[in-house]
Amino acid sequence: MLVIEGVQTFYGAVHALKGVDLKVGTGEIVALIGANGAGKSTLLMTICGNPKPRYGRILFDGDDIVGIPTHLLVRRGLAHAPEGRRIFPRMSVVENLRLGAVAADPAHFSSDLERVFGLFPRLKERRDQRGGTLSGGEQQMLAIARALMSRPRVLLLDEPSLGLAPLVVKQIFAIIEEINKRDGVTVLLVEQNAFHALRLAHRGYVLVNGQIAMTGTGQDLLANEQIRSAYLEGGHGR
């Protein structure tokens, strides 16, 4: 469904992505792990069109989407829940969700709202509360729910567990699994919490200094001694 071929992205003279190749099949959860500064978030932003890759192709359903404006990618079925949540703090939960639904058919708004409230009951309880007054975990739930309101076929998630308590992290990952299994949403998941990400993922990639250094099934990467030493030692993420 999503194919990245030889993608190279620059920030001025800084070569951030150095020929990335990655595939996400229909119905998969694919995890992308790596250290800070490896280029994980840059890859997701490049897929969404900002920044634009200098070289390479990004195929969505077989079509090269490089150069297509972001709002048109959303209409095609691609949604992004960015790192840091980036909700609208002065708007209520429902108002945030309404903005997420701008690219979808308005006729589905009520049913889609109930669908995300079913996934995130806490948001239903706080539907009229301003986004900025929510807890960190609730804001992350709102960011994911807002992305889901566009009815995506592919969901790009950037560090959904960042800064959250372990119990909330488990809740977030359980919801990601439900979105994938129940609704059939394909997920590309960027995560520093390698343990949770790889345990959940069908397949995974390891990004090092802007290049793919390793790939395999989630279980194979979890069992790999290099991965365990670099990302899992000390029970990180458990």
Protein backbone atom coordinates (compact mmCIF):
# COMPACT_ATOMS: atom_id res chain seq x y z
CA MET A 1 0.00 0.00 0.00
CA LEU A 2 2.84 2.40 0.89
CA VAL A 3 6.24 2.05 -0.77
CA ILE A 4 9.25 4.29 -0.17
CA GLU A 5 12.03 3.88 -2.73
CA GLY A 6 15.45 5.51 -2.44
CA VAL A 7 14.12 8.56 -0.62
CA GLN A 8 16.67 11.27 0.16
CA THR A 9 15.60 14.31 2.13
CA PHE A 10 17.62 17.40 2.98
CA TYR A 11 17.26 20.30 5.40
CA GLY A 12 19.41 22.82 3.59
CA ALA A 13 22.86 21.20 3.47
CA VAL A 14 21.93 18.57 6.08
CA HIS A 15 21.37 15.15 4.48
CA ALA A 16 18.64 13.76 6.77
CA LEU A 17 17.46 10.69 4.82
CA LYS A 18 20.04 8.88 2.71
CA GLY A 19 18.22 6.56 0.36
CA VAL A 20 15.48 5.01 2.52
CA ASP A 21 13.61 1.96 1.19
CA LEU A 22 10.56 0.80 3.15
CA LYS A 23 7.28 -0.98 2.44
CA VAL A 24 4.00 -1.13 4.35
CA GLY A 25 1.50 -3.73 3.12
CA THR A 26 -2.25 -3.45 3.37
CA GLY A 27 -3.43 -4.29 6.89
CA GLU A 28 0.05 -4.32 8.42
CA ILE A 29 1.46 -2.58 11.45
CA VAL A 30 5.04 -1.68 10.58
CA ALA A 31 7.31 -0.22 13.27
CA LEU A 32 10.20 2.14 12.59
CA ILE A 33 12.64 2.36 15.49
CA GLY A 34 15.88 4.20 16.00
CA ALA A 35 17.70 6.68 18.20
CA ASN A 36 16.93 10.39 18.47
CA GLY A 37 18.03 12.17 15.31
CA ALA A 38 18.00 9.03 13.16
CA GLY A 39 15.43 10.56 10.79
CA LYS A 40 12.26 8.78 11.87
CA SER A 41 10.04 11.84 12.15
CA THR A 42 11.60 13.28 9.00
CA LEU A 43 10.50 10.19 7.08
CA LEU A 44 6.89 10.57 8.21
CA MET A 45 6.89 14.27 7.36
CA THR A 46 8.46 13.50 3.97
CA ILE A 47 5.67 11.01 3.23
CA CYS A 48 3.19 13.80 4.01
CA GLY A 49 4.94 16.20 1.64
CA ASN A 50 6.82 18.57 3.93
CA PRO A 51 9.77 18.44 3.43
CA LYS A 52 9.70 17.20 -0.14
CA PRO A 53 12.28 14.52 -0.96
CA ARG A 54 15.04 15.60 -3.30
CA TYR A 55 15.41 12.10 -4.72
CA GLY A 56 13.36 8.91 -4.68
CA ARG A 57 9.70 7.92 -4.94
CA ILE A 58 6.83 7.52 -2.48
CA LEU A 59 4.06 5.31 -3.81
CA PHE A 60 0.60 5.15 -2.28
CA ASP A 61 -1.66 2.56 -3.89
CA GLY A 62 0.80 2.48 -6.79
CA ASP A 63 0.71 6.24 -7.45
CA ASP A 64 3.74 8.45 -6.89
CA ILE A 65 2.53 11.04 -4.37
CA VAL A 66 5.67 13.21 -4.24
CA GLY A 67 4.57 16.80 -4.79
CA ILE A 68 0.89 16.21 -3.98
CA PRO A 69 -0.33 18.73 -1.35
CA THR A 70 -0.88 17.32 2.12
CA HIS A 71 -4.63 18.05 2.23
CA LEU A 72 -5.09 16.00 -0.94
CA LEU A 73 -3.13 13.12 0.58
CA VAL A 74 -5.56 13.18 3.52
CA ARG A 75 -8.45 12.90 1.06
CA ARG A 76 -6.72 9.89 -0.49
CA GLY A 77 -6.69 8.14 2.89
CA LEU A 78 -3.37 9.10 4.52
CA ALA A 79 -3.42 10.56 8.05
CA HIS A 80 -0.62 11.69 10.37
CA ALA A 81 -0.66 11.98 14.16
CA PRO A 82 2.55 13.97 14.68
CA GLU A 83 5.06 13.90 17.50
CA GLY A 84 4.11 16.25 20.30
CA ARG A 85 0.35 15.80 19.65
CA ARG A 86 -0.17 19.34 18.27
CA ILE A 87 -3.79 19.53 19.24
CA PHE A 88 -5.56 22.90 19.35
CA PRO A 89 -5.43 23.73 23.08
CA ARG A 90 -8.12 26.43 23.11
CA MET A 91 -10.61 24.27 21.25
CA SER A 92 -12.79 21.62 22.86
CA VAL A 93 -12.32 17.92 22.26
CA VAL A 94 -15.25 17.87 19.81
CA GLU A 95 -13.95 20.94 17.98
CA ASN A 96 -10.55 19.27 17.54
CA LEU A 97 -12.26 16.17 16.20
CA ARG A 98 -14.40 18.24 13.85
CA LEU A 99 -11.23 19.72 12.34
CA GLY A 100 -9.88 16.21 11.83
CA ALA A 101 -13.02 15.36 9.87
CA VAL A 102 -12.73 18.25 7.38
CA ALA A 103 -11.52 15.95 4.59
CA ALA A 104 -14.21 13.32 5.23
CA ASP A 105 -17.84 13.17 4.12
CA PRO A 106 -19.86 15.30 6.59
CA ALA A 107 -22.62 12.71 6.48
CA HIS A 108 -20.36 10.36 8.47
CA PHE A 109 -19.41 12.81 11.20
CA SER A 110 -21.84 11.63 13.89
CA SER A 111 -21.11 7.94 13.38
CA ASP A 112 -17.35 8.57 13.20
CA LEU A 113 -17.53 10.61 16.39
CA GLU A 114 -19.23 7.74 18.20
CA ARG A 115 -16.65 5.35 16.76
CA VAL A 116 -13.70 7.28 18.19
CA PHE A 117 -15.54 7.82 21.47
CA GLY A 118 -15.92 4.04 21.61
CA LEU A 119 -12.15 3.69 21.23
CA PHE A 120 -11.43 6.53 23.65
CA PRO A 121 -14.18 6.67 26.33
CA ARG A 122 -12.16 9.26 28.26
CA LEU A 123 -12.56 11.69 25.37
CA LYS A 124 -16.32 11.23 25.44
CA GLU A 125 -16.30 12.16 29.12
CA ARG A 126 -14.35 15.31 28.24
CA ARG A 127 -16.00 16.14 24.92
CA ASP A 128 -16.65 19.80 25.86
CA GLN A 129 -13.36 20.32 27.67
CA ARG A 130 -10.59 22.40 26.11
CA GLY A 131 -7.76 20.34 24.66
CA GLY A 132 -5.12 22.24 26.58
CA THR A 133 -6.61 21.19 29.93
CA LEU A 134 -6.38 17.45 29.17
CA SER A 135 -3.67 15.24 30.64
CA GLY A 136 -0.77 14.18 28.43
CA GLY A 137 -2.32 10.77 27.82
CA GLU A 138 -5.69 12.29 26.97
CA GLN A 139 -4.05 14.71 24.54
CA GLN A 140 -2.34 11.79 22.82
CA MET A 141 -5.67 10.00 22.57
CA LEU A 142 -7.15 13.16 21.06
CA ALA A 143 -4.34 13.42 18.50
CA ILE A 144 -4.93 9.83 17.34
CA ALA A 145 -8.71 10.26 17.38
CA ARG A 146 -8.43 13.46 15.34
CA ALA A 147 -6.39 11.61 12.70
CA LEU A 148 -8.96 8.80 12.62
CA MET A 149 -11.77 11.27 11.92
CA SER A 150 -10.44 11.67 8.37
CA ARG A 151 -11.24 7.95 7.77
CA PRO A 152 -7.66 6.98 6.87
CA ARG A 153 -6.59 3.77 5.24
CA VAL A 154 -2.99 4.41 6.34
CA LEU A 155 -2.23 6.01 9.72
CA LEU A 156 1.22 7.46 10.43
CA LEU A 157 1.88 7.59 14.18
CA ASP A 158 4.89 9.51 15.50
CA GLU A 159 6.00 8.64 19.05
CA PRO A 160 2.53 8.01 20.53
CA SER A 161 4.03 6.86 23.84
CA LEU A 162 6.34 9.85 24.34
CA GLY A 163 6.22 11.22 27.88
CA LEU A 164 3.37 8.99 29.04
CA ALA A 165 3.07 6.84 32.15
CA PRO A 166 3.55 3.06 31.56
CA LEU A 167 -0.14 2.26 32.17
CA VAL A 168 -1.24 4.87 29.62
CA VAL A 169 1.37 3.57 27.14
CA LYS A 170 -0.20 0.11 27.35
CA GLN A 171 -3.65 1.60 26.75
CA ILE A 172 -2.43 3.52 23.69
CA PHE A 173 -0.80 0.45 22.15
CA ALA A 174 -3.90 -1.65 22.82
CA ILE A 175 -5.96 0.94 20.96
CA ILE A 176 -3.51 0.94 18.02
CA GLU A 177 -3.88 -2.83 17.81
CA GLU A 178 -7.68 -2.53 17.88
CA ILE A 179 -7.67 0.12 15.14
CA ASN A 180 -5.65 -2.24 12.99
CA LYS A 181 -7.53 -5.47 13.71
CA ARG A 182 -11.10 -4.20 13.97
CA ASP A 183 -11.07 -1.39 11.42
CA GLY A 184 -8.38 -2.66 9.07
CA VAL A 185 -6.33 0.53 9.26
CA THR A 186 -2.75 0.09 8.07
CA VAL A 187 -0.25 1.64 10.50
CA LEU A 188 3.29 2.96 10.15
CA LEU A 189 4.47 3.46 13.73
CA VAL A 190 7.52 5.50 14.69
CA GLU A 191 8.57 4.71 18.26
CA GLN A 192 11.51 4.93 20.63
CA ASN A 193 9.79 2.41 22.89
CA ALA A 194 11.15 -0.48 20.85
CA PHE A 195 9.78 -3.21 23.09
CA HIS A 196 6.13 -2.20 22.74
CA ALA A 197 6.48 -1.24 19.08
CA LEU A 198 8.11 -4.48 17.94
CA ARG A 199 5.84 -6.65 20.07
CA LEU A 200 2.87 -5.06 18.32
CA ALA A 201 4.26 -4.85 14.78
CA HIS A 202 4.03 -7.41 12.01
CA ARG A 203 7.35 -6.13 10.67
CA GLY A 204 9.93 -3.57 11.70
CA TYR A 205 12.74 -1.42 10.37
CA VAL A 206 15.70 0.06 12.20
CA LEU A 207 16.79 3.52 11.05
CA VAL A 208 20.36 4.63 11.80
CA ASN A 209 21.71 8.00 10.65
CA GLY A 210 19.13 8.34 7.89
CA GLN A 211 19.53 4.83 6.51
CA ILE A 212 17.75 1.52 7.06
CA ALA A 213 20.19 -0.66 8.97
CA MET A 214 18.03 -3.73 9.61
CA THR A 215 14.59 -5.14 8.87
CA GLY A 216 12.60 -8.21 9.87
CA THR A 217 9.45 -9.37 11.61
CA GLY A 218 8.66 -7.75 14.92
CA GLN A 219 9.47 -10.96 16.79
CA ASP A 220 12.75 -11.49 14.93
CA LEU A 221 13.92 -7.99 15.75
CA LEU A 222 12.88 -8.39 19.39
CA ALA A 223 15.03 -11.50 19.59
CA ASN A 224 18.02 -9.93 17.81
CA GLU A 225 20.97 -9.39 20.17
CA GLN A 226 22.02 -6.16 18.46
CA ILE A 227 18.54 -4.73 18.84
CA ARG A 228 18.28 -5.88 22.44
CA SER A 229 21.63 -4.32 23.29
CA ALA A 230 20.91 -1.00 21.56
CA TYR A 231 17.23 -0.50 22.39
CA LEU A 232 16.00 -2.99 24.99
CA GLU A 233 18.68 -3.34 27.64
CA GLY A 234 17.53 -2.72 31.18
CA GLY A 235 13.94 -3.61 30.33
CA HIS A 236 13.33 -0.34 28.49
CA GLY A 237 9.65 -0.01 27.61
CA ARG A 238 8.53 -2.91 29.73
